Amino acid sequence: MRPRGNTQEDYILRMIRQAAELLRQLKRRLLGGEESAETIRQDAAAAIDFLLGGQAPVLGMLDPASAVRLVGHPALVELWTALLDVEADAAEASGDGTLAARRRVRVAALRDAARSAWGAMDADPNDAGPPAPMERPEP
């Protein structure tokens, strides 16, 4: 029998795996071109809501450094930014270049804030391996 691990880390690992699978599906659908890009954009936004939970609307409004600190986990931030990338690609494909540009600016700012908080973001959002420790760097 497997010993019980940290419940919070188990939950985060499950969320990472599920969100990574959603990300793979969204990318495949976007590349396939069989669905409208607008539907894929909406599904990417829903996947972000799934990943971030009830905090998603607040995190979307916060400055990048605060949002990254509140998310608190490098793999979650990397998945969030990867989903925002898909949302931007789908928005561009559906003719909404303004939304696409806003999403890309947000992605860059979140990734910069994550690098400042945790160093290089080496995590592949398609790799649902074990999460990094839940430690936060000293200010």
Protein backbone atom coordinates (compact mmCIF):
# COMPACT_ATOMS: atom_id res chain seq x y z
CA MET A 1 0.00 0.00 0.00
CA ARG A 2 1.32 3.43 -0.95
CA PRO A 3 1.98 5.71 2.01
CA ARG A 4 -0.14 8.84 2.10
CA GLY A 5 1.78 11.81 0.81
CA ASN A 6 1.15 15.44 1.34
CA THR A 7 -2.51 15.90 0.46
CA GLN A 8 -1.94 19.38 -0.96
CA GLU A 9 0.86 18.17 -3.23
CA ASP A 10 -1.26 15.18 -4.32
CA TYR A 11 -4.05 17.56 -5.24
CA ILE A 12 -1.67 19.86 -7.14
CA LEU A 13 -0.20 16.88 -8.99
CA ARG A 14 -3.69 15.77 -10.07
CA MET A 15 -4.53 19.30 -11.21
CA ILE A 16 -1.28 19.52 -13.16
CA ARG A 17 -1.93 16.21 -14.90
CA GLN A 18 -5.51 17.11 -15.80
CA ALA A 19 -4.59 20.60 -17.02
CA ALA A 20 -1.65 19.22 -19.03
CA GLU A 21 -4.03 16.81 -20.74
CA LEU A 22 -6.46 19.66 -21.49
CA LEU A 23 -3.55 21.64 -22.92
CA ARG A 24 -2.53 18.74 -25.19
CA GLN A 25 -6.12 18.36 -26.41
CA LEU A 26 -6.50 22.08 -27.08
CA LYS A 27 -3.26 22.22 -29.07
CA ARG A 28 -4.28 19.17 -31.08
CA ARG A 29 -7.71 20.68 -31.80
CA LEU A 30 -6.22 24.02 -32.80
CA LEU A 31 -3.74 22.38 -35.17
CA GLY A 32 -6.44 20.08 -36.58
CA GLY A 33 -8.51 22.98 -37.80
CA GLU A 34 -11.73 20.97 -37.61
CA GLU A 35 -13.33 23.19 -34.93
CA SER A 36 -13.82 26.91 -34.85
CA ALA A 37 -10.94 28.79 -33.32
CA GLU A 38 -13.46 30.73 -31.20
CA THR A 39 -14.68 27.48 -29.59
CA ILE A 40 -11.10 26.49 -28.84
CA ARG A 41 -10.42 29.96 -27.37
CA GLN A 42 -13.44 29.60 -25.10
CA ASP A 43 -12.32 26.10 -24.09
CA ALA A 44 -8.82 27.41 -23.30
CA ALA A 45 -10.38 30.06 -21.06
CA ALA A 46 -12.46 27.35 -19.36
CA ALA A 47 -9.32 25.25 -18.86
CA ILE A 48 -7.66 28.24 -17.17
CA ASP A 49 -10.69 28.54 -14.88
CA PHE A 50 -10.38 24.82 -14.11
CA LEU A 51 -6.67 25.11 -13.36
CA LEU A 52 -6.87 28.22 -11.20
CA GLY A 53 -10.27 27.56 -9.67
CA GLY A 54 -12.18 30.35 -7.98
CA GLN A 55 -9.08 32.53 -8.00
CA ALA A 56 -8.97 32.73 -11.81
CA PRO A 57 -10.83 36.06 -12.15
CA VAL A 58 -8.72 37.71 -9.45
CA LEU A 59 -5.46 36.30 -10.81
CA GLY A 60 -6.35 37.68 -14.23
CA MET A 61 -6.61 41.18 -12.80
CA LEU A 62 -3.55 41.17 -10.53
CA ASP A 63 -0.15 42.43 -11.54
CA PRO A 64 2.05 39.54 -12.74
CA ALA A 65 4.30 39.35 -9.66
CA SER A 66 1.33 39.20 -7.29
CA ALA A 67 -0.46 36.66 -9.47
CA VAL A 68 2.60 34.40 -9.58
CA ARG A 69 3.06 34.63 -5.81
CA LEU A 70 -0.60 33.80 -5.23
CA VAL A 71 -0.50 30.79 -7.56
CA GLY A 72 2.58 29.72 -5.62
CA HIS A 73 3.75 26.84 -7.81
CA PRO A 74 6.02 27.03 -10.88
CA ALA A 75 4.31 24.17 -12.73
CA LEU A 76 0.88 25.78 -12.29
CA VAL A 77 2.17 29.10 -13.61
CA GLU A 78 3.78 27.37 -16.58
CA LEU A 79 0.53 25.56 -17.41
CA TRP A 80 -1.41 28.78 -16.99
CA THR A 81 0.87 30.60 -19.41
CA ALA A 82 0.77 27.71 -21.89
CA LEU A 83 -3.05 27.82 -21.83
CA LEU A 84 -2.92 31.59 -22.33
CA ASP A 85 -0.66 30.94 -25.35
CA VAL A 86 -3.28 28.59 -26.82
CA GLU A 87 -5.98 31.16 -26.10
CA ALA A 88 -3.89 33.79 -27.91
CA ASP A 89 -3.31 31.51 -30.90
CA ALA A 90 -7.01 30.70 -31.12
CA ALA A 91 -7.98 34.36 -30.79
CA GLU A 92 -5.60 35.25 -33.61
CA ALA A 93 -6.94 32.42 -35.76
CA SER A 94 -10.49 33.70 -35.21
CA GLY A 95 -9.48 37.23 -36.24
CA ASP A 96 -9.17 38.84 -32.80
CA GLY A 97 -5.63 40.16 -33.01
CA THR A 98 -6.21 42.59 -30.15
CA LEU A 99 -7.08 39.83 -27.66
CA ALA A 100 -4.22 37.71 -28.97
CA ALA A 101 -1.75 40.56 -28.40
CA ARG A 102 -3.07 41.20 -24.87
CA ARG A 103 -2.73 37.52 -23.97
CA ARG A 104 0.83 37.36 -25.31
CA VAL A 105 1.84 40.43 -23.30
CA ARG A 106 0.33 38.82 -20.20
CA VAL A 107 2.17 35.55 -20.87
CA ALA A 108 5.51 37.32 -21.18
CA ALA A 109 4.90 39.31 -17.99
CA LEU A 110 3.84 36.21 -16.02
CA ARG A 111 6.85 34.24 -17.22
CA ASP A 112 9.18 37.12 -16.29
CA ALA A 113 7.59 37.29 -12.83
CA ALA A 114 7.93 33.52 -12.42
CA ARG A 115 11.62 33.67 -13.38
CA SER A 116 12.12 36.41 -10.82
CA ALA A 117 10.37 34.33 -8.17
CA TRP A 118 11.79 30.88 -8.90
CA GLY A 119 14.53 31.14 -11.51
CA ALA A 120 14.40 29.51 -14.93
CA MET A 121 11.09 27.97 -15.89
CA ASP A 122 12.33 24.62 -17.15
CA ALA A 123 9.05 22.79 -16.70
CA ASP A 124 7.44 21.42 -19.83
CA PRO A 125 3.70 22.00 -19.37
CA ASN A 126 3.08 18.71 -21.19
CA ASP A 127 5.14 16.84 -18.58
CA ALA A 128 2.91 15.95 -15.66
CA GLY A 129 5.78 14.82 -13.47
CA PRO A 130 5.95 15.51 -9.77
CA PRO A 131 5.55 19.14 -8.76
CA ALA A 132 8.35 21.23 -7.39
CA PRO A 133 8.48 21.68 -3.61
CA MET A 134 5.96 24.10 -2.16
CA GLU A 135 8.64 26.42 -0.83
CA ARG A 136 8.70 30.08 -1.64
CA PRO A 137 11.96 32.00 -2.02
CA GLU A 138 13.04 34.36 0.72
CA PRO A 139 12.27 38.01 -0.12
